[in-house]
């Protein structure tokens, strides 16, 4: 009986020691991880991204973000991605204290240093390394801490950017339903179409089919000054392309005023006017067209595929006459008598 009692006491001691060691280890892990400052992305006013000898500074002004001393408008989605990282940055475990940063892409040649300020106060400063093998974490190193940590989420690509990548590339933006006049010029041809309400006759037969009544309703069409009707489908495609037009990249070594004599221009009227001009390629083999627009202070390039969807002859935007439509239909073979 005495032996059983001793065994029971021994088991209780072992269990108590195990619980103690487990709790001590847990507390130590929590203690070892640095406490990060609380950051609200809405309050961040400045971001700096440095890679090698290149540094990009982003500043917030009137709820808009701008890039560098030339104050290029920044891509909102890409800035939001960075802000999310700052706000949600969470360290999960310390993975290295050896100061061997090469294996984590945290050496000087490959690391990306990022900083965020709030009202002139530096809130956080850390280096971003490569994505962890799990693809759900990123290796990071905090300033003035030699250790390498796992941070939640894969976010290196959010900061691995260039100035050109970060620029807002939307060069024309409007609601298609707001446009009431279109003026197109291409190859010495021009066409102006106005959104117009025209009457449409509908003949309704009464139930006894002995009398007919004619009611007047209207429909919206695109019409030229001489009464020609525009091709609604083609015009809708054009407006859809122009309504959220994004360029491939900007032209940094020339000003808008230096571009003259466009091979194509589109002027769109609503409460606000919009315009786009596309110019001839410098070389025939080029895959991009230079262009300017009312939505950008800078000239830019449009890809050939995108430009080809816009560069339509004005006559292609007119509705075909019924005789032309019949001519274009395949002719049925005549039956033999």
C-alpha atoms as a PDB file:
ATOM      1  CA  UNK A   1       0.000   0.000   0.000  1.00  0.00           C
ATOM      2  CA  UNK A   2       2.875   2.322   0.845  1.00  0.00           C
ATOM      3  CA  UNK A   3       4.498   1.595  -2.554  1.00  0.00           C
ATOM      4  CA  UNK A   4       1.310   2.502  -4.413  1.00  0.00           C
ATOM      5  CA  UNK A   5       1.126   5.774  -2.497  1.00  0.00           C
ATOM      6  CA  UNK A   6       4.718   6.624  -3.456  1.00  0.00           C
ATOM      7  CA  UNK A   7       4.009   5.841  -7.122  1.00  0.00           C
ATOM      8  CA  UNK A   8       0.956   8.134  -7.037  1.00  0.00           C
ATOM      9  CA  UNK A   9       2.988  10.983  -5.522  1.00  0.00           C
ATOM     10  CA  UNK A  10       5.714  10.472  -8.156  1.00  0.00           C
ATOM     11  CA  UNK A  11       3.178  10.608 -10.993  1.00  0.00           C
ATOM     12  CA  UNK A  12       1.682  13.815  -9.607  1.00  0.00           C
ATOM     13  CA  UNK A  13       5.146  15.379  -9.379  1.00  0.00           C
ATOM     14  CA  UNK A  14       5.918  14.417 -12.995  1.00  0.00           C
ATOM     15  CA  UNK A  15       2.619  15.889 -14.215  1.00  0.00           C
ATOM     16  CA  UNK A  16       3.192  19.105 -12.270  1.00  0.00           C
ATOM     17  CA  UNK A  17       6.724  19.469 -13.670  1.00  0.00           C
ATOM     18  CA  UNK A  18       5.483  18.845 -17.205  1.00  0.00           C
ATOM     19  CA  UNK A  19       2.801  21.521 -16.889  1.00  0.00           C
ATOM     20  CA  UNK A  20       5.345  23.933 -15.414  1.00  0.00           C
ATOM     21  CA  UNK A  21       7.880  23.351 -18.194  1.00  0.00           C
ATOM     22  CA  UNK A  22       5.223  23.667 -20.875  1.00  0.00           C
ATOM     23  CA  UNK A  23       3.907  26.931 -19.474  1.00  0.00           C
ATOM     24  CA  UNK A  24       7.426  28.268 -19.021  1.00  0.00           C
ATOM     25  CA  UNK A  25       8.279  27.451 -22.643  1.00  0.00           C
ATOM     26  CA  UNK A  26       5.115  29.145 -23.881  1.00  0.00           C
ATOM     27  CA  UNK A  27       5.766  32.237 -21.812  1.00  0.00           C
ATOM     28  CA  UNK A  28       9.327  32.361 -23.085  1.00  0.00           C
ATOM     29  CA  UNK A  29       8.195  32.215 -26.732  1.00  0.00           C
ATOM     30  CA  UNK A  30       5.820  35.098 -26.164  1.00  0.00           C
ATOM     31  CA  UNK A  31       8.497  37.032 -24.361  1.00  0.00           C
ATOM     32  CA  UNK A  32      11.096  36.435 -27.088  1.00  0.00           C
ATOM     33  CA  UNK A  33       8.928  37.908 -29.842  1.00  0.00           C
ATOM     34  CA  UNK A  34       9.227  41.706 -30.078  1.00  0.00           C
ATOM     35  CA  UNK A  35       6.150  43.777 -29.382  1.00  0.00           C
ATOM     36  CA  UNK A  36       5.271  45.658 -32.561  1.00  0.00           C
ATOM     37  CA  UNK A  37       3.708  49.123 -32.454  1.00  0.00           C
ATOM     38  CA  UNK A  38       0.020  49.401 -33.220  1.00  0.00           C
ATOM     39  CA  UNK A  39      -0.396  51.014 -36.629  1.00  0.00           C
ATOM     40  CA  UNK A  40      -3.548  52.250 -38.334  1.00  0.00           C
ATOM     41  CA  UNK A  41      -3.140  52.370 -42.096  1.00  0.00           C
ATOM     42  CA  UNK A  42      -5.385  55.435 -42.241  1.00  0.00           C
ATOM     43  CA  UNK A  43      -2.866  57.375 -40.157  1.00  0.00           C
ATOM     44  CA  UNK A  44       0.262  56.507 -42.170  1.00  0.00           C
ATOM     45  CA  UNK A  45       1.454  59.626 -43.973  1.00  0.00           C
ATOM     46  CA  UNK A  46       4.762  58.561 -45.525  1.00  0.00           C
ATOM     47  CA  UNK A  47       6.373  55.343 -46.812  1.00  0.00           C
ATOM     48  CA  UNK A  48       9.945  54.747 -47.889  1.00  0.00           C
ATOM     49  CA  UNK A  49      11.058  51.656 -49.834  1.00  0.00           C
ATOM     50  CA  UNK A  50      14.787  51.048 -50.359  1.00  0.00           C
ATOM     51  CA  UNK A  51      16.457  48.300 -52.361  1.00  0.00           C
ATOM     52  CA  UNK A  52      20.191  48.511 -52.983  1.00  0.00           C
ATOM     53  CA  UNK A  53      20.948  52.107 -53.891  1.00  0.00           C
ATOM     54  CA  UNK A  54      17.393  52.875 -55.021  1.00  0.00           C
ATOM     55  CA  UNK A  55      14.899  54.538 -52.706  1.00  0.00           C
ATOM     56  CA  UNK A  56      11.251  55.377 -53.404  1.00  0.00           C
ATOM     57  CA  UNK A  57       9.438  57.871 -51.167  1.00  0.00           C
ATOM     58  CA  UNK A  58       5.637  57.966 -51.088  1.00  0.00           C
ATOM     59  CA  UNK A  59       3.761  60.847 -49.473  1.00  0.00           C
ATOM     60  CA  UNK A  60       0.106  61.225 -48.611  1.00  0.00           C
ATOM     61  CA  UNK A  61      -1.629  64.494 -49.362  1.00  0.00           C
ATOM     62  CA  UNK A  62      -5.376  65.117 -49.120  1.00  0.00           C
ATOM     63  CA  UNK A  63      -6.060  61.355 -48.953  1.00  0.00           C
ATOM     64  CA  UNK A  64      -4.079  60.792 -52.171  1.00  0.00           C
ATOM     65  CA  UNK A  65      -0.645  59.178 -52.459  1.00  0.00           C
ATOM     66  CA  UNK A  66       2.144  60.616 -54.609  1.00  0.00           C
ATOM     67  CA  UNK A  67       5.524  59.263 -55.676  1.00  0.00           C
ATOM     68  CA  UNK A  68       8.821  61.064 -55.222  1.00  0.00           C
ATOM     69  CA  UNK A  69       9.724  64.709 -55.822  1.00  0.00           C
ATOM     70  CA  UNK A  70       7.813  64.824 -59.121  1.00  0.00           C
ATOM     71  CA  UNK A  71       4.618  63.896 -57.266  1.00  0.00           C
ATOM     72  CA  UNK A  72       3.385  61.233 -59.683  1.00  0.00           C
ATOM     73  CA  UNK A  73      -0.064  59.929 -58.654  1.00  0.00           C
ATOM     74  CA  UNK A  74       0.320  56.449 -57.148  1.00  0.00           C
ATOM     75  CA  UNK A  75      -1.709  53.308 -57.834  1.00  0.00           C
ATOM     76  CA  UNK A  76      -4.238  53.124 -54.994  1.00  0.00           C
ATOM     77  CA  UNK A  77      -4.477  49.312 -54.955  1.00  0.00           C
ATOM     78  CA  UNK A  78      -0.719  48.892 -54.645  1.00  0.00           C
ATOM     79  CA  UNK A  79      -0.492  51.465 -51.870  1.00  0.00           C
ATOM     80  CA  UNK A  80      -3.369  49.761 -50.031  1.00  0.00           C
ATOM     81  CA  UNK A  81      -1.481  46.465 -50.235  1.00  0.00           C
ATOM     82  CA  UNK A  82       1.514  48.060 -48.472  1.00  0.00           C
ATOM     83  CA  UNK A  83      -0.664  49.736 -45.862  1.00  0.00           C
ATOM     84  CA  UNK A  84      -2.312  46.401 -45.045  1.00  0.00           C
ATOM     85  CA  UNK A  85       1.131  44.899 -44.364  1.00  0.00           C
ATOM     86  CA  UNK A  86       2.034  47.679 -41.929  1.00  0.00           C
ATOM     87  CA  UNK A  87      -1.283  47.441 -40.096  1.00  0.00           C
ATOM     88  CA  UNK A  88      -1.416  43.627 -39.877  1.00  0.00           C
ATOM     89  CA  UNK A  89       2.291  42.815 -39.465  1.00  0.00           C
ATOM     90  CA  UNK A  90       2.522  39.827 -37.108  1.00  0.00           C
ATOM     91  CA  UNK A  91       5.653  37.940 -36.095  1.00  0.00           C
ATOM     92  CA  UNK A  92       5.092  34.250 -35.393  1.00  0.00           C
ATOM     93  CA  UNK A  93       8.500  32.806 -34.490  1.00  0.00           C
ATOM     94  CA  UNK A  94      12.206  33.603 -34.387  1.00  0.00           C
ATOM     95  CA  UNK A  95      13.923  31.428 -36.987  1.00  0.00           C
ATOM     96  CA  UNK A  96      17.582  32.492 -36.777  1.00  0.00           C
ATOM     97  CA  UNK A  97      20.043  34.305 -34.533  1.00  0.00           C
ATOM     98  CA  UNK A  98      23.148  33.394 -36.543  1.00  0.00           C
ATOM     99  CA  UNK A  99      23.277  36.665 -38.555  1.00  0.00           C
ATOM    100  CA  UNK A 100      23.504  34.569 -41.726  1.00  0.00           C
ATOM    101  CA  UNK A 101      21.160  36.743 -43.752  1.00  0.00           C
ATOM    102  CA  UNK A 102      22.023  35.482 -47.231  1.00  0.00           C
ATOM    103  CA  UNK A 103      19.859  32.374 -46.974  1.00  0.00           C
ATOM    104  CA  UNK A 104      16.818  34.560 -46.210  1.00  0.00           C
ATOM    105  CA  UNK A 105      17.503  37.243 -48.877  1.00  0.00           C
ATOM    106  CA  UNK A 106      18.049  39.690 -46.039  1.00  0.00           C
ATOM    107  CA  UNK A 107      21.587  40.579 -47.056  1.00  0.00           C
ATOM    108  CA  UNK A 108      22.335  44.080 -48.367  1.00  0.00           C
ATOM    109  CA  UNK A 109      22.077  43.031 -52.034  1.00  0.00           C
ATOM    110  CA  UNK A 110      18.585  41.501 -51.819  1.00  0.00           C
ATOM    111  CA  UNK A 111      16.745  42.868 -48.820  1.00  0.00           C
ATOM    112  CA  UNK A 112      14.015  45.493 -49.164  1.00  0.00           C
ATOM    113  CA  UNK A 113      13.999  48.014 -46.345  1.00  0.00           C
ATOM    114  CA  UNK A 114      10.607  49.560 -45.613  1.00  0.00           C
ATOM    115  CA  UNK A 115       9.672  52.372 -43.258  1.00  0.00           C
ATOM    116  CA  UNK A 116       6.387  54.000 -42.353  1.00  0.00           C
ATOM    117  CA  UNK A 117       5.763  57.367 -40.709  1.00  0.00           C
ATOM    118  CA  UNK A 118       2.804  58.871 -38.932  1.00  0.00           C
ATOM    119  CA  UNK A 119       2.741  62.675 -38.739  1.00  0.00           C
ATOM    120  CA  UNK A 120       6.510  62.904 -39.004  1.00  0.00           C
ATOM    121  CA  UNK A 121       7.178  60.109 -36.479  1.00  0.00           C
ATOM    122  CA  UNK A 122       8.849  56.910 -37.691  1.00  0.00           C
ATOM    123  CA  UNK A 123       6.487  54.107 -36.611  1.00  0.00           C
ATOM    124  CA  UNK A 124       8.211  51.011 -37.993  1.00  0.00           C
ATOM    125  CA  UNK A 125      11.415  50.078 -39.807  1.00  0.00           C
ATOM    126  CA  UNK A 126      12.159  46.541 -41.016  1.00  0.00           C
ATOM    127  CA  UNK A 127      13.817  44.546 -43.794  1.00  0.00           C
ATOM    128  CA  UNK A 128      11.805  42.242 -46.043  1.00  0.00           C
ATOM    129  CA  UNK A 129      13.432  39.021 -47.218  1.00  0.00           C
ATOM    130  CA  UNK A 130      12.184  36.194 -49.381  1.00  0.00           C
ATOM    131  CA  UNK A 131       8.999  34.192 -49.015  1.00  0.00           C
ATOM    132  CA  UNK A 132       9.249  31.285 -46.588  1.00  0.00           C
ATOM    133  CA  UNK A 133       8.944  27.714 -47.944  1.00  0.00           C
ATOM    134  CA  UNK A 134       5.374  27.577 -46.607  1.00  0.00           C
ATOM    135  CA  UNK A 135       4.438  30.433 -49.000  1.00  0.00           C
ATOM    136  CA  UNK A 136       2.336  31.745 -46.092  1.00  0.00           C
ATOM    137  CA  UNK A 137       5.120  33.636 -44.337  1.00  0.00           C
ATOM    138  CA  UNK A 138       7.842  36.134 -45.168  1.00  0.00           C
ATOM    139  CA  UNK A 139      11.298  36.386 -43.582  1.00  0.00           C
ATOM    140  CA  UNK A 140      11.791  39.769 -41.931  1.00  0.00           C
ATOM    141  CA  UNK A 141      14.373  41.500 -39.762  1.00  0.00           C
ATOM    142  CA  UNK A 142      13.495  44.423 -37.538  1.00  0.00           C
ATOM    143  CA  UNK A 143      15.783  47.420 -37.293  1.00  0.00           C
ATOM    144  CA  UNK A 144      18.278  47.073 -34.395  1.00  0.00           C
ATOM    145  CA  UNK A 145      17.355  43.407 -33.867  1.00  0.00           C
ATOM    146  CA  UNK A 146      19.777  40.834 -35.277  1.00  0.00           C
ATOM    147  CA  UNK A 147      17.258  38.000 -35.364  1.00  0.00           C
ATOM    148  CA  UNK A 148      15.294  36.761 -38.378  1.00  0.00           C
ATOM    149  CA  UNK A 149      11.576  36.223 -37.893  1.00  0.00           C
ATOM    150  CA  UNK A 150       8.677  34.617 -39.674  1.00  0.00           C
ATOM    151  CA  UNK A 151       5.989  37.217 -40.419  1.00  0.00           C
ATOM    152  CA  UNK A 152       2.495  36.119 -41.356  1.00  0.00           C
ATOM    153  CA  UNK A 153       1.512  36.260 -45.039  1.00  0.00           C
ATOM    154  CA  UNK A 154       3.452  36.447 -48.287  1.00  0.00           C
ATOM    155  CA  UNK A 155       4.050  40.155 -48.936  1.00  0.00           C
ATOM    156  CA  UNK A 156       7.485  40.679 -50.514  1.00  0.00           C
ATOM    157  CA  UNK A 157       5.890  41.471 -53.886  1.00  0.00           C
ATOM    158  CA  UNK A 158       3.932  44.319 -52.291  1.00  0.00           C
ATOM    159  CA  UNK A 159       7.218  46.186 -51.764  1.00  0.00           C
ATOM    160  CA  UNK A 160       9.287  44.865 -54.674  1.00  0.00           C
ATOM    161  CA  UNK A 161       8.276  47.768 -56.910  1.00  0.00           C
ATOM    162  CA  UNK A 162       9.678  50.426 -59.216  1.00  0.00           C
ATOM    163  CA  UNK A 163       8.459  53.995 -59.668  1.00  0.00           C
ATOM    164  CA  UNK A 164       6.892  53.090 -63.015  1.00  0.00           C
ATOM    165  CA  UNK A 165       5.082  50.084 -61.512  1.00  0.00           C
ATOM    166  CA  UNK A 166       3.659  52.204 -58.708  1.00  0.00           C
ATOM    167  CA  UNK A 167       2.281  54.977 -60.917  1.00  0.00           C
ATOM    168  CA  UNK A 168      -1.443  55.208 -61.477  1.00  0.00           C
ATOM    169  CA  UNK A 169      -1.899  54.100 -65.091  1.00  0.00           C
ATOM    170  CA  UNK A 170      -5.528  55.059 -65.603  1.00  0.00           C
ATOM    171  CA  UNK A 171      -5.352  57.805 -68.237  1.00  0.00           C
ATOM    172  CA  UNK A 172      -9.061  58.194 -69.012  1.00  0.00           C
ATOM    173  CA  UNK A 173     -12.050  57.502 -66.772  1.00  0.00           C
ATOM    174  CA  UNK A 174     -15.753  58.332 -67.099  1.00  0.00           C
ATOM    175  CA  UNK A 175     -19.259  56.879 -67.004  1.00  0.00           C
ATOM    176  CA  UNK A 176     -20.332  55.815 -70.498  1.00  0.00           C
ATOM    177  CA  UNK A 177     -23.919  56.869 -69.808  1.00  0.00           C
ATOM    178  CA  UNK A 178     -22.765  60.469 -69.225  1.00  0.00           C
ATOM    179  CA  UNK A 179     -21.383  60.913 -72.745  1.00  0.00           C
ATOM    180  CA  UNK A 180     -23.774  62.708 -75.091  1.00  0.00           C
ATOM    181  CA  UNK A 181     -21.501  63.591 -78.035  1.00  0.00           C
ATOM    182  CA  UNK A 182     -18.609  61.833 -79.775  1.00  0.00           C
ATOM    183  CA  UNK A 183     -16.269  63.425 -82.293  1.00  0.00           C
ATOM    184  CA  UNK A 184     -13.785  61.118 -84.061  1.00  0.00           C
ATOM    185  CA  UNK A 185     -11.024  62.153 -86.468  1.00  0.00           C
ATOM    186  CA  UNK A 186      -8.784  59.710 -88.344  1.00  0.00           C
ATOM    187  CA  UNK A 187      -6.874  59.984 -91.622  1.00  0.00           C
ATOM    188  CA  UNK A 188      -8.547  63.260 -92.624  1.00  0.00           C
ATOM    189  CA  UNK A 189     -11.975  61.722 -91.970  1.00  0.00           C
ATOM    190  CA  UNK A 190     -14.155  63.015 -89.177  1.00  0.00           C
ATOM    191  CA  UNK A 191     -17.502  62.111 -87.691  1.00  0.00           C
ATOM    192  CA  UNK A 192     -19.634  63.719 -84.994  1.00  0.00           C
ATOM    193  CA  UNK A 193     -22.459  61.771 -83.403  1.00  0.00           C
ATOM    194  CA  UNK A 194     -24.892  63.048 -80.782  1.00  0.00           C
ATOM    195  CA  UNK A 195     -26.993  60.959 -78.430  1.00  0.00           C
ATOM    196  CA  UNK A 196     -30.539  61.756 -79.536  1.00  0.00           C
ATOM    197  CA  UNK A 197     -34.090  60.742 -78.664  1.00  0.00           C
ATOM    198  CA  UNK A 198     -36.110  59.855 -81.775  1.00  0.00           C
ATOM    199  CA  UNK A 199     -39.755  58.702 -82.056  1.00  0.00           C
ATOM    200  CA  UNK A 200     -40.495  55.048 -82.517  1.00  0.00           C
ATOM    201  CA  UNK A 201     -43.848  53.922 -83.886  1.00  0.00           C
ATOM    202  CA  UNK A 202     -45.536  50.920 -82.358  1.00  0.00           C
ATOM    203  CA  UNK A 203     -48.750  49.538 -83.819  1.00  0.00           C
ATOM    204  CA  UNK A 204     -50.881  47.716 -81.277  1.00  0.00           C
ATOM    205  CA  UNK A 205     -53.753  45.516 -82.495  1.00  0.00           C
ATOM    206  CA  UNK A 206     -56.871  45.579 -80.409  1.00  0.00           C
ATOM    207  CA  UNK A 207     -58.310  42.325 -79.081  1.00  0.00           C
ATOM    208  CA  UNK A 208     -61.004  42.181 -81.777  1.00  0.00           C
ATOM    209  CA  UNK A 209     -58.269  42.742 -84.443  1.00  0.00           C
ATOM    210  CA  UNK A 210     -60.603  45.095 -86.300  1.00  0.00           C
ATOM    211  CA  UNK A 211     -58.999  48.343 -85.239  1.00  0.00           C
ATOM    212  CA  UNK A 212     -55.405  49.461 -84.831  1.00  0.00           C
ATOM    213  CA  UNK A 213     -54.014  52.191 -82.619  1.00  0.00           C
ATOM    214  CA  UNK A 214     -50.660  53.822 -83.092  1.00  0.00           C
ATOM    215  CA  UNK A 215     -48.739  55.036 -80.028  1.00  0.00           C
ATOM    216  CA  UNK A 216     -45.587  57.121 -80.046  1.00  0.00           C
ATOM    217  CA  UNK A 217     -42.549  56.229 -77.930  1.00  0.00           C
ATOM    218  CA  UNK A 218     -38.926  57.245 -78.180  1.00  0.00           C
ATOM    219  CA  UNK A 219     -35.608  55.457 -78.426  1.00  0.00           C
ATOM    220  CA  UNK A 220     -32.049  56.666 -77.910  1.00  0.00           C
ATOM    221  CA  UNK A 221     -29.760  56.609 -80.948  1.00  0.00           C
ATOM    222  CA  UNK A 222     -26.467  58.130 -81.989  1.00  0.00           C
ATOM    223  CA  UNK A 223     -27.084  60.456 -84.915  1.00  0.00           C
ATOM    224  CA  UNK A 224     -24.981  62.739 -87.088  1.00  0.00           C
ATOM    225  CA  UNK A 225     -26.011  66.247 -88.137  1.00  0.00           C
ATOM    226  CA  UNK A 226     -27.101  64.946 -91.564  1.00  0.00           C
ATOM    227  CA  UNK A 227     -29.313  62.236 -90.034  1.00  0.00           C
ATOM    228  CA  UNK A 228     -26.992  59.237 -90.292  1.00  0.00           C
ATOM    229  CA  UNK A 229     -27.437  56.716 -87.482  1.00  0.00           C
ATOM    230  CA  UNK A 230     -24.496  55.383 -85.515  1.00  0.00           C
ATOM    231  CA  UNK A 231     -23.789  51.710 -84.933  1.00  0.00           C
ATOM    232  CA  UNK A 232     -24.793  51.302 -81.282  1.00  0.00           C
ATOM    233  CA  UNK A 233     -22.833  48.097 -80.726  1.00  0.00           C
ATOM    234  CA  UNK A 234     -19.610  49.524 -82.138  1.00  0.00           C
ATOM    235  CA  UNK A 235     -19.981  52.792 -80.241  1.00  0.00           C
ATOM    236  CA  UNK A 236     -20.673  50.960 -76.988  1.00  0.00           C
ATOM    237  CA  UNK A 237     -17.506  48.917 -77.460  1.00  0.00           C
ATOM    238  CA  UNK A 238     -15.483  52.063 -78.092  1.00  0.00           C
ATOM    239  CA  UNK A 239     -16.891  53.885 -75.065  1.00  0.00           C
ATOM    240  CA  UNK A 240     -16.331  50.832 -72.878  1.00  0.00           C
ATOM    241  CA  UNK A 241     -12.669  50.703 -73.918  1.00  0.00           C
ATOM    242  CA  UNK A 242     -12.142  54.420 -73.316  1.00  0.00           C
ATOM    243  CA  UNK A 243     -14.109  54.643 -70.057  1.00  0.00           C
ATOM    244  CA  UNK A 244     -11.374  52.951 -68.015  1.00  0.00           C
ATOM    245  CA  UNK A 245      -8.347  53.298 -70.267  1.00  0.00           C
ATOM    246  CA  UNK A 246      -5.015  52.272 -68.784  1.00  0.00           C
ATOM    247  CA  UNK A 247      -1.664  52.839 -70.422  1.00  0.00           C
ATOM    248  CA  UNK A 248       1.247  50.397 -70.577  1.00  0.00           C
ATOM    249  CA  UNK A 249       3.791  52.906 -69.310  1.00  0.00           C
ATOM    250  CA  UNK A 250       4.540  56.612 -69.305  1.00  0.00           C
ATOM    251  CA  UNK A 251       6.900  58.578 -71.532  1.00  0.00           C
ATOM    252  CA  UNK A 252       9.268  60.358 -69.170  1.00  0.00           C
ATOM    253  CA  UNK A 253      11.582  62.160 -71.580  1.00  0.00           C
ATOM    254  CA  UNK A 254       8.960  64.223 -73.446  1.00  0.00           C
ATOM    255  CA  UNK A 255       6.108  66.577 -72.577  1.00  0.00           C
ATOM    256  CA  UNK A 256       2.524  66.429 -73.811  1.00  0.00           C
ATOM    257  CA  UNK A 257       2.969  69.679 -75.742  1.00  0.00           C
ATOM    258  CA  UNK A 258       5.666  68.078 -77.888  1.00  0.00           C
ATOM    259  CA  UNK A 259       3.164  65.682 -79.478  1.00  0.00           C
ATOM    260  CA  UNK A 260       1.337  67.161 -82.459  1.00  0.00           C
ATOM    261  CA  UNK A 261      -0.576  65.962 -85.545  1.00  0.00           C
ATOM    262  CA  UNK A 262      -2.241  62.837 -84.127  1.00  0.00           C
ATOM    263  CA  UNK A 263      -3.253  60.092 -86.521  1.00  0.00           C
ATOM    264  CA  UNK A 264      -6.398  59.599 -84.423  1.00  0.00           C
ATOM    265  CA  UNK A 265      -8.317  61.712 -81.935  1.00  0.00           C
ATOM    266  CA  UNK A 266     -11.498  61.207 -79.935  1.00  0.00           C
ATOM    267  CA  UNK A 267     -13.358  64.017 -78.196  1.00  0.00           C
ATOM    268  CA  UNK A 268     -16.156  63.057 -75.826  1.00  0.00           C
ATOM    269  CA  UNK A 269     -18.596  65.562 -74.384  1.00  0.00           C
ATOM    270  CA  UNK A 270     -20.675  65.424 -71.219  1.00  0.00           C
ATOM    271  CA  UNK A 271     -20.799  67.770 -68.231  1.00  0.00           C
ATOM    272  CA  UNK A 272     -17.018  67.397 -68.520  1.00  0.00           C
ATOM    273  CA  UNK A 273     -15.081  66.985 -71.755  1.00  0.00           C
ATOM    274  CA  UNK A 274     -12.637  64.136 -72.367  1.00  0.00           C
ATOM    275  CA  UNK A 275     -10.142  63.624 -75.165  1.00  0.00           C
ATOM    276  CA  UNK A 276      -7.629  61.093 -76.406  1.00  0.00           C
ATOM    277  CA  UNK A 277      -4.997  61.492 -79.116  1.00  0.00           C
ATOM    278  CA  UNK A 278      -2.984  58.619 -80.574  1.00  0.00           C
ATOM    279  CA  UNK A 279       0.169  59.301 -82.583  1.00  0.00           C
ATOM    280  CA  UNK A 280       2.105  57.354 -85.173  1.00  0.00           C
ATOM    281  CA  UNK A 281       4.640  54.804 -83.959  1.00  0.00           C
ATOM    282  CA  UNK A 282       8.242  55.945 -84.120  1.00  0.00           C
ATOM    283  CA  UNK A 283       9.236  52.750 -85.925  1.00  0.00           C
ATOM    284  CA  UNK A 284       6.993  50.445 -87.890  1.00  0.00           C
ATOM    285  CA  UNK A 285       8.086  47.437 -85.842  1.00  0.00           C
ATOM    286  CA  UNK A 286       7.207  49.124 -82.522  1.00  0.00           C
ATOM    287  CA  UNK A 287       4.525  47.397 -80.456  1.00  0.00           C
ATOM    288  CA  UNK A 288       3.281  50.567 -78.748  1.00  0.00           C
ATOM    289  CA  UNK A 289       1.671  53.831 -79.832  1.00  0.00           C
ATOM    290  CA  UNK A 290       2.464  57.182 -78.171  1.00  0.00           C
ATOM    291  CA  UNK A 291      -0.664  58.922 -76.876  1.00  0.00           C
ATOM    292  CA  UNK A 292      -1.960  61.765 -74.723  1.00  0.00           C
ATOM    293  CA  UNK A 293      -5.261  62.291 -72.940  1.00  0.00           C
ATOM    294  CA  UNK A 294      -7.175  64.779 -70.816  1.00  0.00           C
ATOM    295  CA  UNK A 295      -6.907  62.347 -67.898  1.00  0.00           C
ATOM    296  CA  UNK A 296      -3.113  62.445 -67.622  1.00  0.00           C
ATOM    297  CA  UNK A 297      -0.563  65.219 -67.313  1.00  0.00           C
ATOM    298  CA  UNK A 298       2.022  62.981 -68.972  1.00  0.00           C
ATOM    299  CA  UNK A 299       2.303  61.336 -72.403  1.00  0.00           C
ATOM    300  CA  UNK A 300       2.142  57.553 -72.406  1.00  0.00           C
ATOM    301  CA  UNK A 301       2.247  54.388 -74.500  1.00  0.00           C
ATOM    302  CA  UNK A 302      -0.704  52.211 -75.481  1.00  0.00           C
ATOM    303  CA  UNK A 303      -0.118  48.624 -76.536  1.00  0.00           C
ATOM    304  CA  UNK A 304      -0.810  47.839 -80.189  1.00  0.00           C
ATOM    305  CA  UNK A 305      -3.628  45.449 -79.270  1.00  0.00           C
ATOM    306  CA  UNK A 306      -5.369  48.110 -77.188  1.00  0.00           C
ATOM    307  CA  UNK A 307      -4.800  50.840 -79.778  1.00  0.00           C
ATOM    308  CA  UNK A 308      -6.172  48.629 -82.546  1.00  0.00           C
ATOM    309  CA  UNK A 309      -9.500  48.417 -80.681  1.00  0.00           C
ATOM    310  CA  UNK A 310      -9.694  52.215 -80.779  1.00  0.00           C
ATOM    311  CA  UNK A 311      -8.231  53.089 -84.196  1.00  0.00           C
ATOM    312  CA  UNK A 312     -11.409  52.553 -86.207  1.00  0.00           C
ATOM    313  CA  UNK A 313     -12.319  54.544 -89.280  1.00  0.00           C
ATOM    314  CA  UNK A 314     -15.217  56.906 -88.554  1.00  0.00           C
ATOM    315  CA  UNK A 315     -17.338  55.189 -91.213  1.00  0.00           C
ATOM    316  CA  UNK A 316     -17.139  51.957 -89.215  1.00  0.00           C
ATOM    317  CA  UNK A 317     -19.112  53.650 -86.444  1.00  0.00           C
ATOM    318  CA  UNK A 318     -22.126  54.229 -88.695  1.00  0.00           C
ATOM    319  CA  UNK A 319     -24.999  51.813 -88.992  1.00  0.00           C
ATOM    320  CA  UNK A 320     -25.022  50.007 -92.309  1.00  0.00           C
ATOM    321  CA  UNK A 321     -27.901  50.689 -94.665  1.00  0.00           C
ATOM    322  CA  UNK A 322     -30.294  47.787 -95.183  1.00  0.00           C
ATOM    323  CA  UNK A 323     -29.110  47.323 -98.775  1.00  0.00           C
ATOM    324  CA  UNK A 324     -25.507  47.025 -97.569  1.00  0.00           C
ATOM    325  CA  UNK A 325     -26.547  44.532 -94.900  1.00  0.00           C
ATOM    326  CA  UNK A 326     -28.307  42.414 -97.495  1.00  0.00           C
ATOM    327  CA  UNK A 327     -25.246  42.526 -99.746  1.00  0.00           C
ATOM    328  CA  UNK A 328     -23.073  41.290 -96.912  1.00  0.00           C
ATOM    329  CA  UNK A 329     -25.404  38.349 -96.207  1.00  0.00           C
ATOM    330  CA  UNK A 330     -24.435  35.048 -97.872  1.00  0.00           C
ATOM    331  CA  UNK A 331     -26.522  34.415-100.983  1.00  0.00           C
ATOM    332  CA  UNK A 332     -28.641  31.285-101.005  1.00  0.00           C
ATOM    333  CA  UNK A 333     -28.164  29.100-104.088  1.00  0.00           C
ATOM    334  CA  UNK A 334     -31.050  29.233-106.510  1.00  0.00           C
ATOM    335  CA  UNK A 335     -33.087  26.032-106.701  1.00  0.00           C
ATOM    336  CA  UNK A 336     -33.097  24.264-110.006  1.00  0.00           C
ATOM    337  CA  UNK A 337     -36.396  24.195-111.885  1.00  0.00           C
END
